[in-house]
Amino acid sequence: MDAPDLLALFVRPLEETGLQYMVTGGVASVIYGDPRFTRDVDIVLEMDGGAIPRLVSIFDPDAFYLPPLEALRREVSRTRHGHFNVIHKGTGLRADVYLLDKTEVQQWGFRCRRRLSLGATAISVASPEYVIVQKLLYYRDSGSDRHLRDIAMMLRISGDRIETSEVAQWASRLGLDAQWVAARAFDPT
């Protein structure tokens, strides 16, 4: 591997295990929008305690940091907000792994994920509608215009493939109407 590749480091191993996942966050917004540099990949992963050994087996401990087994078990047992990181020691690149929970929005996102071919690799990626809704939540919580820029670029580049009415419905359900208006009005140039 010449240049560090987030998908090769973190997603390809998940593909090989058969664990169910979806790429979301910045990498997904790059896939649907404007390329930008990111040092991490956000992954929503469906797993229970029985899958921990499979997960641990795919990341060589000499090359990757994974939390201790007790921490993984604790995170997997959470009903909401289970999360851990996998870090590539040689590059510092990171996978932020969010465990699939029972919230309506995350269940919807997981059901609507897509299989996309990126070069020789097929991966599961969150739908652009889910990515936008998540970015609206992040914008509400952080106030960072980076999320508005990502949404605006997704709408500019992939707008004809995005069901904006579905985004609007979720924005209304989650109290994100003002953020949705701001995202649509944002000028990324």
C-alpha atoms as a PDB file:
ATOM      1  CA  MET A   1       0.000   0.000   0.000  1.00  0.00           C
ATOM      2  CA  ASP A   2       1.677   3.224  -1.131  1.00  0.00           C
ATOM      3  CA  ALA A   3      -0.562   5.883   0.401  1.00  0.00           C
ATOM      4  CA  PRO A   4      -2.664   5.170   3.462  1.00  0.00           C
ATOM      5  CA  ASP A   5      -6.170   4.213   2.394  1.00  0.00           C
ATOM      6  CA  LEU A   6      -8.965   4.358   4.985  1.00  0.00           C
ATOM      7  CA  LEU A   7     -11.111   1.870   3.100  1.00  0.00           C
ATOM      8  CA  ALA A   8      -8.284  -0.638   2.669  1.00  0.00           C
ATOM      9  CA  LEU A   9      -7.214  -0.323   6.299  1.00  0.00           C
ATOM     10  CA  PHE A  10     -10.592  -0.497   8.008  1.00  0.00           C
ATOM     11  CA  VAL A  11     -13.443  -1.410   5.657  1.00  0.00           C
ATOM     12  CA  ARG A  12     -11.931  -4.199   3.579  1.00  0.00           C
ATOM     13  CA  PRO A  13     -11.293  -6.297   6.732  1.00  0.00           C
ATOM     14  CA  LEU A  14     -14.939  -5.853   7.760  1.00  0.00           C
ATOM     15  CA  GLU A  15     -16.007  -7.014   4.288  1.00  0.00           C
ATOM     16  CA  GLU A  16     -13.950 -10.174   4.743  1.00  0.00           C
ATOM     17  CA  THR A  17     -15.622 -11.047   8.075  1.00  0.00           C
ATOM     18  CA  GLY A  18     -19.188 -10.659   6.885  1.00  0.00           C
ATOM     19  CA  LEU A  19     -20.000  -8.273   9.742  1.00  0.00           C
ATOM     20  CA  GLN A  20     -22.772  -5.863   8.730  1.00  0.00           C
ATOM     21  CA  TYR A  21     -21.723  -2.210   8.625  1.00  0.00           C
ATOM     22  CA  MET A  22     -22.095   1.068   6.780  1.00  0.00           C
ATOM     23  CA  VAL A  23     -19.609   3.838   6.087  1.00  0.00           C
ATOM     24  CA  THR A  24     -20.986   7.247   7.011  1.00  0.00           C
ATOM     25  CA  GLY A  25     -19.695  10.673   8.073  1.00  0.00           C
ATOM     26  CA  GLY A  26     -16.967  12.494   6.160  1.00  0.00           C
ATOM     27  CA  VAL A  27     -16.004   9.588   3.909  1.00  0.00           C
ATOM     28  CA  ALA A  28     -19.630   9.101   2.837  1.00  0.00           C
ATOM     29  CA  SER A  29     -20.033  12.835   2.206  1.00  0.00           C
ATOM     30  CA  VAL A  30     -16.899  12.693   0.024  1.00  0.00           C
ATOM     31  CA  ILE A  31     -18.381   9.780  -1.938  1.00  0.00           C
ATOM     32  CA  TYR A  32     -21.566  11.765  -2.632  1.00  0.00           C
ATOM     33  CA  GLY A  33     -20.009  15.226  -2.675  1.00  0.00           C
ATOM     34  CA  ASP A  34     -16.748  17.109  -2.954  1.00  0.00           C
ATOM     35  CA  PRO A  35     -13.471  15.340  -2.200  1.00  0.00           C
ATOM     36  CA  ARG A  36     -11.755  16.567   0.925  1.00  0.00           C
ATOM     37  CA  PHE A  37      -9.075  15.095   3.158  1.00  0.00           C
ATOM     38  CA  THR A  38     -10.124  13.169   6.231  1.00  0.00           C
ATOM     39  CA  ARG A  39      -7.996  11.156   8.644  1.00  0.00           C
ATOM     40  CA  ASP A  40     -10.804   8.974   9.899  1.00  0.00           C
ATOM     41  CA  VAL A  41     -13.695   6.886   8.691  1.00  0.00           C
ATOM     42  CA  ASP A  42     -16.996   6.683  10.556  1.00  0.00           C
ATOM     43  CA  ILE A  43     -18.516   3.220  10.561  1.00  0.00           C
ATOM     44  CA  VAL A  44     -21.840   2.056  11.984  1.00  0.00           C
ATOM     45  CA  LEU A  45     -21.387  -1.604  12.872  1.00  0.00           C
ATOM     46  CA  GLU A  46     -23.990  -4.202  13.786  1.00  0.00           C
ATOM     47  CA  MET A  47     -22.536  -6.622  16.285  1.00  0.00           C
ATOM     48  CA  ASP A  48     -23.163  -8.392  19.526  1.00  0.00           C
ATOM     49  CA  GLY A  49     -20.762  -9.803  22.091  1.00  0.00           C
ATOM     50  CA  GLY A  50     -20.394 -13.024  20.112  1.00  0.00           C
ATOM     51  CA  ALA A  51     -18.836 -11.113  17.205  1.00  0.00           C
ATOM     52  CA  ILE A  52     -16.046  -9.555  19.274  1.00  0.00           C
ATOM     53  CA  PRO A  53     -13.560 -12.399  18.566  1.00  0.00           C
ATOM     54  CA  ARG A  54     -14.150 -12.019  14.799  1.00  0.00           C
ATOM     55  CA  LEU A  55     -13.580  -8.268  15.028  1.00  0.00           C
ATOM     56  CA  VAL A  56     -10.400  -8.687  17.086  1.00  0.00           C
ATOM     57  CA  SER A  57      -9.049 -11.326  14.693  1.00  0.00           C
ATOM     58  CA  ILE A  58      -9.091  -8.994  11.650  1.00  0.00           C
ATOM     59  CA  PHE A  59      -6.947  -6.232  13.132  1.00  0.00           C
ATOM     60  CA  ASP A  60      -3.360  -7.307  13.800  1.00  0.00           C
ATOM     61  CA  PRO A  61      -2.402  -5.972  17.258  1.00  0.00           C
ATOM     62  CA  ASP A  62       1.089  -5.107  15.971  1.00  0.00           C
ATOM     63  CA  ALA A  63      -0.440  -2.784  13.354  1.00  0.00           C
ATOM     64  CA  PHE A  64      -3.674  -1.604  15.015  1.00  0.00           C
ATOM     65  CA  TYR A  65      -4.840  -0.390  18.385  1.00  0.00           C
ATOM     66  CA  LEU A  66      -8.145  -1.861  19.527  1.00  0.00           C
ATOM     67  CA  PRO A  67      -9.613  -1.248  22.972  1.00  0.00           C
ATOM     68  CA  PRO A  68      -9.153  -4.044  25.511  1.00  0.00           C
ATOM     69  CA  LEU A  69     -11.708  -6.872  25.387  1.00  0.00           C
ATOM     70  CA  GLU A  70     -13.461  -5.636  28.542  1.00  0.00           C
ATOM     71  CA  ALA A  71     -13.986  -2.201  26.952  1.00  0.00           C
ATOM     72  CA  LEU A  72     -15.308  -3.763  23.740  1.00  0.00           C
ATOM     73  CA  ARG A  73     -17.737  -5.925  25.729  1.00  0.00           C
ATOM     74  CA  ARG A  74     -18.936  -2.870  27.675  1.00  0.00           C
ATOM     75  CA  GLU A  75     -19.511  -0.858  24.491  1.00  0.00           C
ATOM     76  CA  VAL A  76     -21.302  -3.711  22.712  1.00  0.00           C
ATOM     77  CA  SER A  77     -23.623  -4.162  25.713  1.00  0.00           C
ATOM     78  CA  ARG A  78     -24.821  -0.528  25.591  1.00  0.00           C
ATOM     79  CA  THR A  79     -28.326  -0.030  24.246  1.00  0.00           C
ATOM     80  CA  ARG A  80     -27.350   3.401  22.833  1.00  0.00           C
ATOM     81  CA  HIS A  81     -24.186   5.271  21.972  1.00  0.00           C
ATOM     82  CA  GLY A  82     -21.841   2.260  21.900  1.00  0.00           C
ATOM     83  CA  HIS A  83     -18.580   3.483  20.375  1.00  0.00           C
ATOM     84  CA  PHE A  84     -14.896   2.638  20.076  1.00  0.00           C
ATOM     85  CA  ASN A  85     -11.913   3.481  17.894  1.00  0.00           C
ATOM     86  CA  VAL A  86      -9.561   1.372  15.837  1.00  0.00           C
ATOM     87  CA  ILE A  87      -6.266   3.155  15.146  1.00  0.00           C
ATOM     88  CA  HIS A  88      -3.636   2.221  12.583  1.00  0.00           C
ATOM     89  CA  LYS A  89      -0.355   2.573  14.456  1.00  0.00           C
ATOM     90  CA  GLY A  90       1.792   3.296  11.414  1.00  0.00           C
ATOM     91  CA  THR A  91      -0.245   6.256  10.133  1.00  0.00           C
ATOM     92  CA  GLY A  92      -2.457   7.408  12.992  1.00  0.00           C
ATOM     93  CA  LEU A  93      -5.512   6.951  10.734  1.00  0.00           C
ATOM     94  CA  ARG A  94      -8.607   6.004  12.673  1.00  0.00           C
ATOM     95  CA  ALA A  95     -11.950   4.284  12.361  1.00  0.00           C
ATOM     96  CA  ASP A  96     -14.636   5.682  14.649  1.00  0.00           C
ATOM     97  CA  VAL A  97     -16.923   2.701  15.142  1.00  0.00           C
ATOM     98  CA  TYR A  98     -20.472   3.411  16.293  1.00  0.00           C
ATOM     99  CA  LEU A  99     -22.504   0.383  17.235  1.00  0.00           C
ATOM    100  CA  LEU A 100     -25.932   0.106  15.644  1.00  0.00           C
ATOM    101  CA  ASP A 101     -28.561   1.026  18.203  1.00  0.00           C
ATOM    102  CA  LYS A 102     -32.339   0.854  18.271  1.00  0.00           C
ATOM    103  CA  THR A 103     -33.004   4.533  17.546  1.00  0.00           C
ATOM    104  CA  GLU A 104     -35.431   5.034  14.705  1.00  0.00           C
ATOM    105  CA  VAL A 105     -33.084   7.231  12.671  1.00  0.00           C
ATOM    106  CA  GLN A 106     -30.149   4.820  12.888  1.00  0.00           C
ATOM    107  CA  GLN A 107     -32.334   1.811  12.084  1.00  0.00           C
ATOM    108  CA  TRP A 108     -33.680   3.692   9.032  1.00  0.00           C
ATOM    109  CA  GLY A 109     -30.144   4.580   7.956  1.00  0.00           C
ATOM    110  CA  PHE A 110     -28.968   0.998   8.262  1.00  0.00           C
ATOM    111  CA  ARG A 111     -31.931  -0.370   6.285  1.00  0.00           C
ATOM    112  CA  CYS A 112     -31.298   2.161   3.503  1.00  0.00           C
ATOM    113  CA  ARG A 113     -27.539   1.661   3.169  1.00  0.00           C
ATOM    114  CA  ARG A 114     -26.200   1.044  -0.325  1.00  0.00           C
ATOM    115  CA  ARG A 115     -23.603  -1.217  -1.853  1.00  0.00           C
ATOM    116  CA  LEU A 116     -21.233   0.847  -3.960  1.00  0.00           C
ATOM    117  CA  SER A 117     -18.248  -0.210  -6.025  1.00  0.00           C
ATOM    118  CA  LEU A 118     -15.189   1.915  -5.441  1.00  0.00           C
ATOM    119  CA  GLY A 119     -12.519   0.608  -7.738  1.00  0.00           C
ATOM    120  CA  ALA A 120     -12.079  -3.093  -7.067  1.00  0.00           C
ATOM    121  CA  THR A 121     -13.863  -2.922  -3.723  1.00  0.00           C
ATOM    122  CA  ALA A 122     -17.587  -2.996  -3.013  1.00  0.00           C
ATOM    123  CA  ILE A 123     -18.565  -1.418   0.293  1.00  0.00           C
ATOM    124  CA  SER A 124     -21.717  -0.609   2.254  1.00  0.00           C
ATOM    125  CA  VAL A 125     -22.290   3.137   2.463  1.00  0.00           C
ATOM    126  CA  ALA A 126     -25.022   5.089   4.212  1.00  0.00           C
ATOM    127  CA  SER A 127     -27.564   6.632   1.864  1.00  0.00           C
ATOM    128  CA  PRO A 128     -26.959  10.307   1.061  1.00  0.00           C
ATOM    129  CA  GLU A 129     -30.234  11.149   2.829  1.00  0.00           C
ATOM    130  CA  TYR A 130     -28.997   9.543   6.069  1.00  0.00           C
ATOM    131  CA  VAL A 131     -25.602  11.254   5.747  1.00  0.00           C
ATOM    132  CA  ILE A 132     -27.327  14.616   5.367  1.00  0.00           C
ATOM    133  CA  VAL A 133     -29.606  14.025   8.366  1.00  0.00           C
ATOM    134  CA  GLN A 134     -26.603  13.040  10.490  1.00  0.00           C
ATOM    135  CA  LYS A 135     -24.688  16.115   9.331  1.00  0.00           C
ATOM    136  CA  LEU A 136     -27.699  18.269  10.279  1.00  0.00           C
ATOM    137  CA  LEU A 137     -27.552  16.747  13.772  1.00  0.00           C
ATOM    138  CA  TYR A 138     -23.796  17.374  13.975  1.00  0.00           C
ATOM    139  CA  TYR A 139     -24.282  20.958  12.803  1.00  0.00           C
ATOM    140  CA  ARG A 140     -26.976  21.533  15.424  1.00  0.00           C
ATOM    141  CA  ASP A 141     -24.726  20.136  18.150  1.00  0.00           C
ATOM    142  CA  SER A 142     -21.412  21.710  17.078  1.00  0.00           C
ATOM    143  CA  GLY A 143     -22.274  24.780  15.014  1.00  0.00           C
ATOM    144  CA  SER A 144     -19.462  23.832  12.602  1.00  0.00           C
ATOM    145  CA  ASP A 145     -20.028  25.125   9.070  1.00  0.00           C
ATOM    146  CA  ARG A 146     -18.008  22.142   7.796  1.00  0.00           C
ATOM    147  CA  HIS A 147     -21.209  20.083   8.037  1.00  0.00           C
ATOM    148  CA  LEU A 148     -23.174  22.683   6.062  1.00  0.00           C
ATOM    149  CA  ARG A 149     -20.434  22.730   3.425  1.00  0.00           C
ATOM    150  CA  ASP A 150     -20.508  18.928   3.141  1.00  0.00           C
ATOM    151  CA  ILE A 151     -24.300  18.972   2.725  1.00  0.00           C
ATOM    152  CA  ALA A 152     -24.196  21.812   0.183  1.00  0.00           C
ATOM    153  CA  MET A 153     -21.583  19.967  -1.888  1.00  0.00           C
ATOM    154  CA  MET A 154     -23.568  16.726  -1.720  1.00  0.00           C
ATOM    155  CA  LEU A 155     -26.646  18.598  -2.964  1.00  0.00           C
ATOM    156  CA  ARG A 156     -24.624  20.285  -5.711  1.00  0.00           C
ATOM    157  CA  ILE A 157     -22.871  17.140  -6.965  1.00  0.00           C
ATOM    158  CA  SER A 158     -25.421  14.379  -6.243  1.00  0.00           C
ATOM    159  CA  GLY A 159     -28.602  16.414  -5.910  1.00  0.00           C
ATOM    160  CA  ASP A 160     -30.475  14.551  -8.639  1.00  0.00           C
ATOM    161  CA  ARG A 161     -29.917  11.282  -6.722  1.00  0.00           C
ATOM    162  CA  ILE A 162     -30.953  12.623  -3.298  1.00  0.00           C
ATOM    163  CA  GLU A 163     -34.537  12.367  -2.081  1.00  0.00           C
ATOM    164  CA  THR A 164     -34.688  15.810  -0.487  1.00  0.00           C
ATOM    165  CA  SER A 165     -38.307  15.228   0.547  1.00  0.00           C
ATOM    166  CA  GLU A 166     -37.117  12.326   2.713  1.00  0.00           C
ATOM    167  CA  VAL A 167     -34.445  14.557   4.267  1.00  0.00           C
ATOM    168  CA  ALA A 168     -37.087  17.211   4.939  1.00  0.00           C
ATOM    169  CA  GLN A 169     -39.352  14.654   6.632  1.00  0.00           C
ATOM    170  CA  TRP A 170     -36.567  13.473   8.926  1.00  0.00           C
ATOM    171  CA  ALA A 171     -35.472  17.059   9.596  1.00  0.00           C
ATOM    172  CA  SER A 172     -39.016  17.873  10.693  1.00  0.00           C
ATOM    173  CA  ARG A 173     -39.284  14.740  12.866  1.00  0.00           C
ATOM    174  CA  LEU A 174     -35.965  15.509  14.577  1.00  0.00           C
ATOM    175  CA  GLY A 175     -36.528  19.249  15.022  1.00  0.00           C
ATOM    176  CA  LEU A 176     -33.891  20.146  12.418  1.00  0.00           C
ATOM    177  CA  ASP A 177     -35.964  22.375  10.139  1.00  0.00           C
ATOM    178  CA  ALA A 178     -33.801  25.463  10.766  1.00  0.00           C
ATOM    179  CA  GLN A 179     -30.617  23.477  10.123  1.00  0.00           C
ATOM    180  CA  TRP A 180     -32.067  22.085   6.868  1.00  0.00           C
ATOM    181  CA  VAL A 181     -32.935  25.600   5.708  1.00  0.00           C
ATOM    182  CA  ALA A 182     -29.396  26.754   6.591  1.00  0.00           C
ATOM    183  CA  ALA A 183     -27.837  23.823   4.727  1.00  0.00           C
ATOM    184  CA  ARG A 184     -29.846  24.462   1.556  1.00  0.00           C
ATOM    185  CA  ALA A 185     -28.950  28.161   1.648  1.00  0.00           C
ATOM    186  CA  PHE A 186     -25.257  27.615   2.391  1.00  0.00           C
ATOM    187  CA  ASP A 187     -22.849  28.739  -0.354  1.00  0.00           C
ATOM    188  CA  PRO A 188     -19.777  26.463  -0.212  1.00  0.00           C
ATOM    189  CA  THR A 189     -17.706  28.605  -2.586  1.00  0.00           C
END
